[in-house]
Each structure stands twice: as C-alpha cells, then as structure tokens.
Amino acid sequence: PASMVNPAQDMQKEVGHIVVDEAPSKELLRNADVGGWHVSELEAGEGFPQELRAHRTCFVATGKFTLTPRGGHPRLVLDNSLLILPKGLHVAWEVHERTRLHWAEHDDDG
C-alpha cells in the first residue's frame, strides 16, 4: 500500500504518479513481506504498454528498466528500488537488463 513508503524520505522521488524509493530500508521490506509477493522475470529487450487495474507496489530485486507514464517523462529504475504505481496508470516499460520484480496489488483502501 502507499502508506508503506514515507514521501519525505530523501531518496524518494515522485515521477508523474509513480513513487520511487531508491533506498527502501530492509526493515520496511521485511515488514511488507516482499518475499511473499508475486514474482515476475522480465528479459532485456522487452518492451510493453500497461494499464494498471489496481494499485501496485513493486520491489526491483535485480535489473534495470525505464518506465514512461503516458504524458510524462521517462524514468530509469534500478535494482533495490521500491515503486508505487497507482490504479489507472498507463505506462510503457522498456527493460534494459534482466529484471526480477516482486509485486503486490492492492484495492482502493490500500
């Protein structure tokens, strides 16, 4: 849920409606039970559009990719980042390095 990440953290940046925490604490990741989330493997060279039908929180275990929200600017995302993607977001993914992504979807209540 969005409340997992403190917007005031120095390393966190909001990109369009995408929130990126480039240095989430191990405690935050443990408390969020990231190890119990879904896992996706993305291959280098993959690219695809996505429209999110639910809020999604993602942890990038390994890899590198660019997210470009519709009408927004591209954002390079590196391993060990935590992302919060809002429901209804239209975003294009461009995978630069093989990526292992842990993710969980949430309803409107978080």
PDB file of N, CA and C in Angstrom:
ATOM      1  N   PRO A   1       0.809  -1.196   0.000  1.00  0.00           N
ATOM      2  CA  PRO A   1       0.000   0.000   0.000  1.00  0.00           C
ATOM      3  C   PRO A   1       0.851   1.258   0.000  1.00  0.00           C
ATOM      4  N   ALA A   2       0.283   2.356  -0.390  1.00  0.00           N
ATOM      5  CA  ALA A   2       1.027   3.610  -0.477  1.00  0.00           C
ATOM      6  C   ALA A   2       1.595   4.031   0.859  1.00  0.00           C
ATOM      7  N   SER A   3       0.980   3.653   1.963  1.00  0.00           N
ATOM      8  CA  SER A   3       1.463   4.060   3.277  1.00  0.00           C
ATOM      9  C   SER A   3       2.768   3.380   3.660  1.00  0.00           C
ATOM     10  N   MET A   4       3.224   2.390   2.867  1.00  0.00           N
ATOM     11  CA  MET A   4       4.458   1.683   3.187  1.00  0.00           C
ATOM     12  C   MET A   4       5.675   2.585   3.037  1.00  0.00           C
ATOM     13  N   VAL A   5       5.601   3.588   2.207  1.00  0.00           N
ATOM     14  CA  VAL A   5       6.747   4.420   1.908  1.00  0.00           C
ATOM     15  C   VAL A   5       6.500   5.831   2.408  1.00  0.00           C
ATOM     16  N   ASN A   6       7.461   6.388   3.108  1.00  0.00           N
ATOM     17  CA  ASN A   6       7.354   7.738   3.633  1.00  0.00           C
ATOM     18  C   ASN A   6       7.744   8.738   2.547  1.00  0.00           C
ATOM     19  N   PRO A   7       6.831   9.579   2.070  1.00  0.00           N
ATOM     20  CA  PRO A   7       7.142  10.516   0.995  1.00  0.00           C
ATOM     21  C   PRO A   7       8.235  11.515   1.342  1.00  0.00           C
ATOM     22  N   ALA A   8       8.562  11.664   2.590  1.00  0.00           N
ATOM     23  CA  ALA A   8       9.576  12.640   2.984  1.00  0.00           C
ATOM     24  C   ALA A   8      10.989  12.080   2.914  1.00  0.00           C
ATOM     25  N   GLN A   9      11.152  10.785   2.631  1.00  0.00           N
ATOM     26  CA  GLN A   9      12.487  10.213   2.589  1.00  0.00           C
ATOM     27  C   GLN A   9      13.321  10.906   1.523  1.00  0.00           C
ATOM     28  N   ASP A  10      14.599  11.140   1.830  1.00  0.00           N
ATOM     29  CA  ASP A  10      15.484  11.872   0.927  1.00  0.00           C
ATOM     30  C   ASP A  10      15.638  11.213  -0.437  1.00  0.00           C
ATOM     31  N   MET A  11      15.691   9.888  -0.486  1.00  0.00           N
ATOM     32  CA  MET A  11      15.972   9.201  -1.737  1.00  0.00           C
ATOM     33  C   MET A  11      14.719   8.967  -2.575  1.00  0.00           C
ATOM     34  N   GLN A  12      13.589   9.302  -2.060  1.00  0.00           N
ATOM     35  CA  GLN A  12      12.338   9.017  -2.775  1.00  0.00           C
ATOM     36  C   GLN A  12      11.987  10.172  -3.697  1.00  0.00           C
ATOM     37  N   LYS A  13      11.517   9.837  -4.891  1.00  0.00           N
ATOM     38  CA  LYS A  13      11.124  10.863  -5.850  1.00  0.00           C
ATOM     39  C   LYS A  13       9.802  10.463  -6.461  1.00  0.00           C
ATOM     40  N   GLU A  14       8.931  11.422  -6.675  1.00  0.00           N
ATOM     41  CA  GLU A  14       7.671  11.137  -7.348  1.00  0.00           C
ATOM     42  C   GLU A  14       7.828  11.480  -8.816  1.00  0.00           C
ATOM     43  N   VAL A  15       7.461  10.533  -9.671  1.00  0.00           N
ATOM     44  CA  VAL A  15       7.595  10.692 -11.105  1.00  0.00           C
ATOM     45  C   VAL A  15       6.200  10.578 -11.687  1.00  0.00           C
ATOM     46  N   GLY A  16       5.603  11.684 -12.104  1.00  0.00           N
ATOM     47  CA  GLY A  16       4.212  11.641 -12.524  1.00  0.00           C
ATOM     48  C   GLY A  16       3.403  11.137 -11.347  1.00  0.00           C
ATOM     49  N   HIS A  17       2.738  10.024 -11.521  1.00  0.00           N
ATOM     50  CA  HIS A  17       2.009   9.419 -10.414  1.00  0.00           C
ATOM     51  C   HIS A  17       2.742   8.207  -9.871  1.00  0.00           C
ATOM     52  N   ILE A  18       3.974   7.990 -10.332  1.00  0.00           N
ATOM     53  CA  ILE A  18       4.781   6.865  -9.874  1.00  0.00           C
ATOM     54  C   ILE A  18       5.653   7.352  -8.728  1.00  0.00           C
ATOM     55  N   VAL A  19       5.632   6.630  -7.620  1.00  0.00           N
ATOM     56  CA  VAL A  19       6.500   6.969  -6.499  1.00  0.00           C
ATOM     57  C   VAL A  19       7.647   5.965  -6.483  1.00  0.00           C
ATOM     58  N   VAL A  20       8.884   6.465  -6.421  1.00  0.00           N
ATOM     59  CA  VAL A  20      10.074   5.622  -6.432  1.00  0.00           C
ATOM     60  C   VAL A  20      10.878   5.887  -5.167  1.00  0.00           C
ATOM     61  N   ASP A  21      11.127   4.826  -4.396  1.00  0.00           N
ATOM     62  CA  ASP A  21      12.033   4.896  -3.245  1.00  0.00           C
ATOM     63  C   ASP A  21      13.278   4.127  -3.649  1.00  0.00           C
ATOM     64  N   GLU A  22      14.380   4.842  -3.878  1.00  0.00           N
ATOM     65  CA  GLU A  22      15.602   4.217  -4.388  1.00  0.00           C
ATOM     66  C   GLU A  22      16.407   3.504  -3.315  1.00  0.00           C
ATOM     67  N   ALA A  23      16.014   3.653  -2.064  1.00  0.00           N
ATOM     68  CA  ALA A  23      16.769   3.020  -0.978  1.00  0.00           C
ATOM     69  C   ALA A  23      15.833   2.614   0.164  1.00  0.00           C
ATOM     70  N   PRO A  24      14.891   1.707  -0.102  1.00  0.00           N
ATOM     71  CA  PRO A  24      13.995   1.286   0.980  1.00  0.00           C
ATOM     72  C   PRO A  24      14.779   0.521   2.046  1.00  0.00           C
ATOM     73  N   SER A  25      14.404   0.699   3.286  1.00  0.00           N
ATOM     74  CA  SER A  25      15.112   0.016   4.366  1.00  0.00           C
ATOM     75  C   SER A  25      14.790  -1.473   4.362  1.00  0.00           C
ATOM     76  N   LYS A  26      15.712  -2.268   4.861  1.00  0.00           N
ATOM     77  CA  LYS A  26      15.481  -3.709   4.982  1.00  0.00           C
ATOM     78  C   LYS A  26      14.288  -3.971   5.896  1.00  0.00           C
ATOM     79  N   GLU A  27      14.148  -3.132   6.913  1.00  0.00           N
ATOM     80  CA  GLU A  27      13.015  -3.287   7.837  1.00  0.00           C
ATOM     81  C   GLU A  27      11.685  -3.067   7.105  1.00  0.00           C
ATOM     82  N   LEU A  28      11.615  -2.038   6.282  1.00  0.00           N
ATOM     83  CA  LEU A  28      10.394  -1.772   5.527  1.00  0.00           C
ATOM     84  C   LEU A  28      10.056  -2.954   4.621  1.00  0.00           C
ATOM     85  N   LEU A  29      11.061  -3.487   3.923  1.00  0.00           N
ATOM     86  CA  LEU A  29      10.839  -4.610   3.019  1.00  0.00           C
ATOM     87  C   LEU A  29      10.409  -5.865   3.784  1.00  0.00           C
ATOM     88  N   ARG A  30      11.019  -6.096   4.929  1.00  0.00           N
ATOM     89  CA  ARG A  30      10.663  -7.258   5.761  1.00  0.00           C
ATOM     90  C   ARG A  30       9.234  -7.110   6.282  1.00  0.00           C
ATOM     91  N   ASN A  31       8.891  -5.928   6.787  1.00  0.00           N
ATOM     92  CA  ASN A  31       7.534  -5.691   7.317  1.00  0.00           C
ATOM     93  C   ASN A  31       6.468  -5.795   6.229  1.00  0.00           C
ATOM     94  N   ALA A  32       6.831  -5.461   4.998  1.00  0.00           N
ATOM     95  CA  ALA A  32       5.891  -5.544   3.879  1.00  0.00           C
ATOM     96  C   ALA A  32       5.771  -6.977   3.351  1.00  0.00           C
ATOM     97  N   ASP A  33       6.621  -7.884   3.830  1.00  0.00           N
ATOM     98  CA  ASP A  33       6.627  -9.283   3.400  1.00  0.00           C
ATOM     99  C   ASP A  33       6.831  -9.401   1.892  1.00  0.00           C
ATOM    100  N   VAL A  34       7.816  -8.661   1.367  1.00  0.00           N
ATOM    101  CA  VAL A  34       8.112  -8.656  -0.064  1.00  0.00           C
ATOM    102  C   VAL A  34       8.373 -10.072  -0.578  1.00  0.00           C
ATOM    103  N   GLY A  35       8.980 -10.928   0.240  1.00  0.00           N
ATOM    104  CA  GLY A  35       9.271 -12.301  -0.175  1.00  0.00           C
ATOM    105  C   GLY A  35       8.015 -13.110  -0.466  1.00  0.00           C
ATOM    106  N   GLY A  36       6.871 -12.680   0.044  1.00  0.00           N
ATOM    107  CA  GLY A  36       5.616 -13.376  -0.191  1.00  0.00           C
ATOM    108  C   GLY A  36       4.816 -12.834  -1.373  1.00  0.00           C
ATOM    109  N   TRP A  37       5.330 -11.823  -2.058  1.00  0.00           N
ATOM    110  CA  TRP A  37       4.637 -11.224  -3.190  1.00  0.00           C
ATOM    111  C   TRP A  37       4.808 -12.072  -4.452  1.00  0.00           C
ATOM    112  N   HIS A  38       4.025 -11.740  -5.504  1.00  0.00           N
ATOM    113  CA  HIS A  38       4.198 -12.355  -6.823  1.00  0.00           C
ATOM    114  C   HIS A  38       5.589 -11.994  -7.342  1.00  0.00           C
ATOM    115  N   VAL A  39       6.120 -12.819  -8.236  1.00  0.00           N
ATOM    116  CA  VAL A  39       7.424 -12.550  -8.846  1.00  0.00           C
ATOM    117  C   VAL A  39       7.274 -12.600 -10.359  1.00  0.00           C
ATOM    118  N   SER A  40       7.845 -11.605 -11.026  1.00  0.00           N
ATOM    119  CA  SER A  40       7.898 -11.588 -12.493  1.00  0.00           C
ATOM    120  C   SER A  40       9.347 -11.462 -12.918  1.00  0.00           C
ATOM    121  N   GLU A  41       9.698 -12.197 -13.978  1.00  0.00           N
ATOM    122  CA  GLU A  41      11.025 -12.106 -14.592  1.00  0.00           C
ATOM    123  C   GLU A  41      10.850 -11.420 -15.940  1.00  0.00           C
ATOM    124  N   LEU A  42      11.563 -10.337 -16.151  1.00  0.00           N
ATOM    125  CA  LEU A  42      11.494  -9.596 -17.412  1.00  0.00           C
ATOM    126  C   LEU A  42      12.849  -9.694 -18.096  1.00  0.00           C
ATOM    127  N   GLU A  43      12.847  -9.972 -19.387  1.00  0.00           N
ATOM    128  CA  GLU A  43      14.091 -10.143 -20.144  1.00  0.00           C
ATOM    129  C   GLU A  43      14.530  -8.827 -20.780  1.00  0.00           C
ATOM    130  N   ALA A  44      15.846  -8.646 -20.886  1.00  0.00           N
ATOM    131  CA  ALA A  44      16.399  -7.469 -21.557  1.00  0.00           C
ATOM    132  C   ALA A  44      15.837  -7.398 -22.967  1.00  0.00           C
ATOM    133  N   GLY A  45      15.481  -6.212 -23.403  1.00  0.00           N
ATOM    134  CA  GLY A  45      14.934  -6.007 -24.727  1.00  0.00           C
ATOM    135  C   GLY A  45      13.413  -6.036 -24.767  1.00  0.00           C
ATOM    136  N   GLU A  46      12.777  -6.492 -23.691  1.00  0.00           N
ATOM    137  CA  GLU A  46      11.308  -6.480 -23.645  1.00  0.00           C
ATOM    138  C   GLU A  46      10.820  -5.047 -23.538  1.00  0.00           C
ATOM    139  N   GLY A  47       9.681  -4.802 -24.132  1.00  0.00           N
ATOM    140  CA  GLY A  47       9.026  -3.514 -24.003  1.00  0.00           C
ATOM    141  C   GLY A  47       7.535  -3.736 -24.160  1.00  0.00           C
ATOM    142  N   PHE A  48       6.750  -3.098 -23.332  1.00  0.00           N
ATOM    143  CA  PHE A  48       5.307  -3.308 -23.412  1.00  0.00           C
ATOM    144  C   PHE A  48       4.570  -2.185 -22.710  1.00  0.00           C
ATOM    145  N   PRO A  49       3.347  -1.889 -23.197  1.00  0.00           N
ATOM    146  CA  PRO A  49       2.497  -0.922 -22.505  1.00  0.00           C
ATOM    147  C   PRO A  49       1.707  -1.647 -21.415  1.00  0.00           C
ATOM    148  N   GLN A  50       1.300  -0.911 -20.401  1.00  0.00           N
ATOM    149  CA  GLN A  50       0.499  -1.494 -19.324  1.00  0.00           C
ATOM    150  C   GLN A  50      -0.465  -0.455 -18.789  1.00  0.00           C
ATOM    151  N   GLU A  51      -1.687  -0.891 -18.519  1.00  0.00           N
ATOM    152  CA  GLU A  51      -2.654  -0.066 -17.801  1.00  0.00           C
ATOM    153  C   GLU A  51      -2.968  -0.803 -16.508  1.00  0.00           C
ATOM    154  N   LEU A  52      -2.722  -0.175 -15.390  1.00  0.00           N
ATOM    155  CA  LEU A  52      -2.924  -0.828 -14.095  1.00  0.00           C
ATOM    156  C   LEU A  52      -4.382  -0.771 -13.690  1.00  0.00           C
ATOM    157  N   ARG A  53      -4.930  -1.917 -13.367  1.00  0.00           N
ATOM    158  CA  ARG A  53      -6.332  -2.032 -12.948  1.00  0.00           C
ATOM    159  C   ARG A  53      -6.469  -2.043 -11.429  1.00  0.00           C
ATOM    160  N   ALA A  54      -5.321  -1.991 -10.736  1.00  0.00           N
ATOM    161  CA  ALA A  54      -5.285  -1.911  -9.270  1.00  0.00           C
ATOM    162  C   ALA A  54      -4.009  -1.185  -8.882  1.00  0.00           C
ATOM    163  N   HIS A  55      -3.951  -0.665  -7.667  1.00  0.00           N
ATOM    164  CA  HIS A  55      -2.708  -0.081  -7.158  1.00  0.00           C
ATOM    165  C   HIS A  55      -1.687  -1.203  -7.066  1.00  0.00           C
ATOM    166  N   ARG A  56      -0.441  -0.924  -7.411  1.00  0.00           N
ATOM    167  CA  ARG A  56       0.587  -1.957  -7.377  1.00  0.00           C
ATOM    168  C   ARG A  56       1.837  -1.413  -6.688  1.00  0.00           C
ATOM    169  N   THR A  57       2.395  -2.223  -5.793  1.00  0.00           N
ATOM    170  CA  THR A  57       3.679  -1.924  -5.165  1.00  0.00           C
ATOM    171  C   THR A  57       4.669  -2.947  -5.692  1.00  0.00           C
ATOM    172  N   CYS A  58       5.838  -2.483  -6.130  1.00  0.00           N
ATOM    173  CA  CYS A  58       6.840  -3.363  -6.735  1.00  0.00           C
ATOM    174  C   CYS A  58       8.188  -3.151  -6.058  1.00  0.00           C
ATOM    175  N   PHE A  59       8.909  -4.253  -5.862  1.00  0.00           N
ATOM    176  CA  PHE A  59      10.295  -4.177  -5.410  1.00  0.00           C
ATOM    177  C   PHE A  59      11.159  -4.784  -6.501  1.00  0.00           C
ATOM    178  N   VAL A  60      12.164  -4.034  -6.945  1.00  0.00           N
ATOM    179  CA  VAL A  60      13.063  -4.483  -8.005  1.00  0.00           C
ATOM    180  C   VAL A  60      14.244  -5.189  -7.338  1.00  0.00           C
ATOM    181  N   ALA A  61      14.213  -6.524  -7.337  1.00  0.00           N
ATOM    182  CA  ALA A  61      15.288  -7.292  -6.707  1.00  0.00           C
ATOM    183  C   ALA A  61      16.576  -7.176  -7.517  1.00  0.00           C
ATOM    184  N   THR A  62      16.453  -7.302  -8.833  1.00  0.00           N
ATOM    185  CA  THR A  62      17.594  -7.136  -9.734  1.00  0.00           C
ATOM    186  C   THR A  62      17.085  -6.532 -11.025  1.00  0.00           C
ATOM    187  N   GLY A  63      17.981  -5.839 -11.731  1.00  0.00           N
ATOM    188  CA  GLY A  63      17.643  -5.371 -13.064  1.00  0.00           C
ATOM    189  C   GLY A  63      17.648  -3.873 -13.239  1.00  0.00           C
ATOM    190  N   LYS A  64      17.267  -3.484 -14.451  1.00  0.00           N
ATOM    191  CA  LYS A  64      17.234  -2.066 -14.820  1.00  0.00           C
ATOM    192  C   LYS A  64      16.219  -1.912 -15.943  1.00  0.00           C
ATOM    193  N   PHE A  65      15.328  -0.906 -15.824  1.00  0.00           N
ATOM    194  CA  PHE A  65      14.324  -0.648 -16.847  1.00  0.00           C
ATOM    195  C   PHE A  65      13.921   0.815 -16.786  1.00  0.00           C
ATOM    196  N   THR A  66      13.221   1.239 -17.834  1.00  0.00           N
ATOM    197  CA  THR A  66      12.681   2.594 -17.896  1.00  0.00           C
ATOM    198  C   THR A  66      11.167   2.506 -17.894  1.00  0.00           C
ATOM    199  N   LEU A  67      10.540   3.339 -17.077  1.00  0.00           N
ATOM    200  CA  LEU A  67       9.085   3.480 -17.060  1.00  0.00           C
ATOM    201  C   LEU A  67       8.747   4.859 -17.623  1.00  0.00           C
ATOM    202  N   THR A  68       7.810   4.896 -18.547  1.00  0.00           N
ATOM    203  CA  THR A  68       7.370   6.171 -19.098  1.00  0.00           C
ATOM    204  C   THR A  68       5.859   6.260 -18.970  1.00  0.00           C
ATOM    205  N   PRO A  69       5.372   7.071 -18.010  1.00  0.00           N
ATOM    206  CA  PRO A  69       3.922   7.241 -17.875  1.00  0.00           C
ATOM    207  C   PRO A  69       3.382   8.041 -19.056  1.00  0.00           C
ATOM    208  N   ARG A  70       2.158   7.729 -19.473  1.00  0.00           N
ATOM    209  CA  ARG A  70       1.528   8.464 -20.573  1.00  0.00           C
ATOM    210  C   ARG A  70       1.524   9.951 -20.235  1.00  0.00           C
ATOM    211  N   GLY A  71       2.068  10.743 -21.140  1.00  0.00           N
ATOM    212  CA  GLY A  71       2.118  12.181 -20.946  1.00  0.00           C
ATOM    213  C   GLY A  71       3.211  12.625 -19.993  1.00  0.00           C
ATOM    214  N   GLY A  72       4.042  11.696 -19.525  1.00  0.00           N
ATOM    215  CA  GLY A  72       5.099  12.033 -18.563  1.00  0.00           C
ATOM    216  C   GLY A  72       6.485  11.795 -19.139  1.00  0.00           C
ATOM    217  N   HIS A  73       7.469  11.930 -18.285  1.00  0.00           N
ATOM    218  CA  HIS A  73       8.863  11.773 -18.682  1.00  0.00           C
ATOM    219  C   HIS A  73       9.373  10.391 -18.305  1.00  0.00           C
ATOM    220  N   PRO A  74      10.291   9.820 -19.115  1.00  0.00           N
ATOM    221  CA  PRO A  74      10.864   8.517 -18.805  1.00  0.00           C
ATOM    222  C   PRO A  74      11.647   8.559 -17.488  1.00  0.00           C
ATOM    223  N   ARG A  75      11.616   7.449 -16.771  1.00  0.00           N
ATOM    224  CA  ARG A  75      12.342   7.344 -15.512  1.00  0.00           C
ATOM    225  C   ARG A  75      13.094   6.015 -15.484  1.00  0.00           C
ATOM    226  N   LEU A  76      14.412   6.076 -15.350  1.00  0.00           N
ATOM    227  CA  LEU A  76      15.239   4.889 -15.214  1.00  0.00           C
ATOM    228  C   LEU A  76      15.079   4.349 -13.802  1.00  0.00           C
ATOM    229  N   VAL A  77      14.810   3.056 -13.674  1.00  0.00           N
ATOM    230  CA  VAL A  77      14.624   2.408 -12.377  1.00  0.00           C
ATOM    231  C   VAL A  77      15.677   1.313 -12.253  1.00  0.00           C
ATOM    232  N   LEU A  78      16.377   1.315 -11.123  1.00  0.00           N
ATOM    233  CA  LEU A  78      17.462   0.362 -10.884  1.00  0.00           C
ATOM    234  C   LEU A  78      17.085  -0.629  -9.795  1.00  0.00           C
ATOM    235  N   ASP A  79      17.903  -1.680  -9.681  1.00  0.00           N
ATOM    236  CA  ASP A  79      17.648  -2.685  -8.656  1.00  0.00           C
ATOM    237  C   ASP A  79      17.636  -2.069  -7.260  1.00  0.00           C
ATOM    238  N   ASN A  80      16.940  -2.754  -6.369  1.00  0.00           N
ATOM    239  CA  ASN A  80      16.744  -2.346  -4.968  1.00  0.00           C
ATOM    240  C   ASN A  80      15.839  -1.134  -4.809  1.00  0.00           C
ATOM    241  N   SER A  81      15.055  -0.811  -5.828  1.00  0.00           N
ATOM    242  CA  SER A  81      14.087   0.285  -5.726  1.00  0.00           C
ATOM    243  C   SER A  81      12.710  -0.271  -5.378  1.00  0.00           C
ATOM    244  N   LEU A  82      11.928   0.534  -4.669  1.00  0.00           N
ATOM    245  CA  LEU A  82      10.544   0.210  -4.349  1.00  0.00           C
ATOM    246  C   LEU A  82       9.672   1.207  -5.098  1.00  0.00           C
ATOM    247  N   LEU A  83       8.667   0.708  -5.826  1.00  0.00           N
ATOM    248  CA  LEU A  83       7.798   1.563  -6.630  1.00  0.00           C
ATOM    249  C   LEU A  83       6.372   1.451  -6.160  1.00  0.00           C
ATOM    250  N   ILE A  84       5.651   2.536  -6.242  1.00  0.00           N
ATOM    251  CA  ILE A  84       4.210   2.527  -6.020  1.00  0.00           C
ATOM    252  C   ILE A  84       3.575   3.083  -7.285  1.00  0.00           C
ATOM    253  N   LEU A  85       2.740   2.237  -7.917  1.00  0.00           N
ATOM    254  CA  LEU A  85       2.086   2.589  -9.175  1.00  0.00           C
ATOM    255  C   LEU A  85       0.590   2.653  -8.926  1.00  0.00           C
ATOM    256  N   PRO A  86      -0.044   3.766  -9.241  1.00  0.00           N
ATOM    257  CA  PRO A  86      -1.469   3.918  -8.934  1.00  0.00           C
ATOM    258  C   PRO A  86      -2.391   3.229  -9.937  1.00  0.00           C
ATOM    259  N   LYS A  87      -3.537   2.853  -9.456  1.00  0.00           N
ATOM    260  CA  LYS A  87      -4.593   2.292 -10.296  1.00  0.00           C
ATOM    261  C   LYS A  87      -4.909   3.279 -11.417  1.00  0.00           C
ATOM    262  N   GLY A  88      -5.083   2.752 -12.635  1.00  0.00           N
ATOM    263  CA  GLY A  88      -5.420   3.596 -13.776  1.00  0.00           C
ATOM    264  C   GLY A  88      -4.228   4.153 -14.524  1.00  0.00           C
ATOM    265  N   LEU A  89      -3.020   3.942 -14.004  1.00  0.00           N
ATOM    266  CA  LEU A  89      -1.815   4.451 -14.656  1.00  0.00           C
ATOM    267  C   LEU A  89      -1.600   3.738 -15.987  1.00  0.00           C
ATOM    268  N   HIS A  90      -1.312   4.507 -17.022  1.00  0.00           N
ATOM    269  CA  HIS A  90      -0.898   3.979 -18.324  1.00  0.00           C
ATOM    270  C   HIS A  90       0.605   4.203 -18.391  1.00  0.00           C
ATOM    271  N   VAL A  91       1.375   3.146 -18.546  1.00  0.00           N
ATOM    272  CA  VAL A  91       2.827   3.267 -18.503  1.00  0.00           C
ATOM    273  C   VAL A  91       3.449   2.320 -19.524  1.00  0.00           C
ATOM    274  N   ALA A  92       4.557   2.762 -20.113  1.00  0.00           N
ATOM    275  CA  ALA A  92       5.325   1.920 -21.033  1.00  0.00           C
ATOM    276  C   ALA A  92       6.587   1.442 -20.317  1.00  0.00           C
ATOM    277  N   TRP A  93       6.857   0.152 -20.429  1.00  0.00           N
ATOM    278  CA  TRP A  93       8.052  -0.468 -19.843  1.00  0.00           C
ATOM    279  C   TRP A  93       9.068  -0.723 -20.951  1.00  0.00           C
ATOM    280  N   GLU A  94      10.335  -0.439 -20.674  1.00  0.00           N
ATOM    281  CA  GLU A  94      11.443  -0.787 -21.564  1.00  0.00           C
ATOM    282  C   GLU A  94      12.519  -1.414 -20.681  1.00  0.00           C
ATOM    283  N   VAL A  95      12.751  -2.706 -20.851  1.00  0.00           N
ATOM    284  CA  VAL A  95      13.665  -3.459 -19.978  1.00  0.00           C
ATOM    285  C   VAL A  95      15.068  -3.441 -20.583  1.00  0.00           C
ATOM    286  N   HIS A  96      16.048  -2.930 -19.802  1.00  0.00           N
ATOM    287  CA  HIS A  96      17.434  -2.815 -20.272  1.00  0.00           C
ATOM    288  C   HIS A  96      18.291  -3.997 -19.820  1.00  0.00           C
ATOM    289  N   GLU A  97      18.020  -4.526 -18.641  1.00  0.00           N
ATOM    290  CA  GLU A  97      18.740  -5.681 -18.103  1.00  0.00           C
ATOM    291  C   GLU A  97      17.707  -6.639 -17.533  1.00  0.00           C
ATOM    292  N   ARG A  98      18.024  -7.931 -17.564  1.00  0.00           N
ATOM    293  CA  ARG A  98      17.104  -8.909 -16.994  1.00  0.00           C
ATOM    294  C   ARG A  98      16.696  -8.448 -15.593  1.00  0.00           C
ATOM    295  N   THR A  99      15.392  -8.484 -15.331  1.00  0.00           N
ATOM    296  CA  THR A  99      14.838  -7.904 -14.110  1.00  0.00           C
ATOM    297  C   THR A  99      14.008  -8.939 -13.364  1.00  0.00           C
ATOM    298  N   ARG A 100      14.209  -8.997 -12.053  1.00  0.00           N
ATOM    299  CA  ARG A 100      13.365  -9.808 -11.168  1.00  0.00           C
ATOM    300  C   ARG A 100      12.582  -8.827 -10.315  1.00  0.00           C
ATOM    301  N   LEU A 101      11.262  -8.874 -10.477  1.00  0.00           N
ATOM    302  CA  LEU A 101      10.371  -7.895  -9.865  1.00  0.00           C
ATOM    303  C   LEU A 101       9.393  -8.606  -8.928  1.00  0.00           C
ATOM    304  N   HIS A 102       9.372  -8.205  -7.660  1.00  0.00           N
ATOM    305  CA  HIS A 102       8.377  -8.690  -6.701  1.00  0.00           C
ATOM    306  C   HIS A 102       7.257  -7.650  -6.690  1.00  0.00           C
ATOM    307  N   TRP A 103       5.987  -8.108  -6.725  1.00  0.00           N
ATOM    308  CA  TRP A 103       4.892  -7.131  -6.787  1.00  0.00           C
ATOM    309  C   TRP A 103       3.647  -7.646  -6.083  1.00  0.00           C
ATOM    310  N   ALA A 104       2.866  -6.671  -5.623  1.00  0.00           N
ATOM    311  CA  ALA A 104       1.585  -6.955  -4.972  1.00  0.00           C
ATOM    312  C   ALA A 104       0.583  -5.901  -5.407  1.00  0.00           C
ATOM    313  N   GLU A 105      -0.658  -6.332  -5.618  1.00  0.00           N
ATOM    314  CA  GLU A 105      -1.731  -5.400  -5.963  1.00  0.00           C
ATOM    315  C   GLU A 105      -2.583  -5.144  -4.723  1.00  0.00           C
ATOM    316  N   HIS A 106      -3.170  -3.948  -4.691  1.00  0.00           N
ATOM    317  CA  HIS A 106      -3.941  -3.504  -3.526  1.00  0.00           C
ATOM    318  C   HIS A 106      -5.245  -2.873  -4.006  1.00  0.00           C
ATOM    319  N   ASP A 107      -6.275  -2.987  -3.199  1.00  0.00           N
ATOM    320  CA  ASP A 107      -7.541  -2.341  -3.536  1.00  0.00           C
ATOM    321  C   ASP A 107      -7.447  -0.848  -3.219  1.00  0.00           C
ATOM    322  N   ASP A 108      -8.526  -0.123  -3.433  1.00  0.00           N
ATOM    323  CA  ASP A 108      -8.526   1.332  -3.225  1.00  0.00           C
ATOM    324  C   ASP A 108      -8.248   1.726  -1.793  1.00  0.00           C
ATOM    325  N   ASP A 109      -8.473   0.832  -0.837  1.00  0.00           N
ATOM    326  CA  ASP A 109      -8.243   1.150   0.567  1.00  0.00           C
ATOM    327  C   ASP A 109      -6.794   0.942   0.968  1.00  0.00           C
ATOM    328  N   GLY A 110      -5.939   0.486   0.055  1.00  0.00           N
ATOM    329  CA  GLY A 110      -4.539   0.308   0.345  1.00  0.00           C
ATOM    330  C   GLY A 110      -4.223  -1.066   0.739  1.00  0.00           C
TER     331      GLY A 110
END
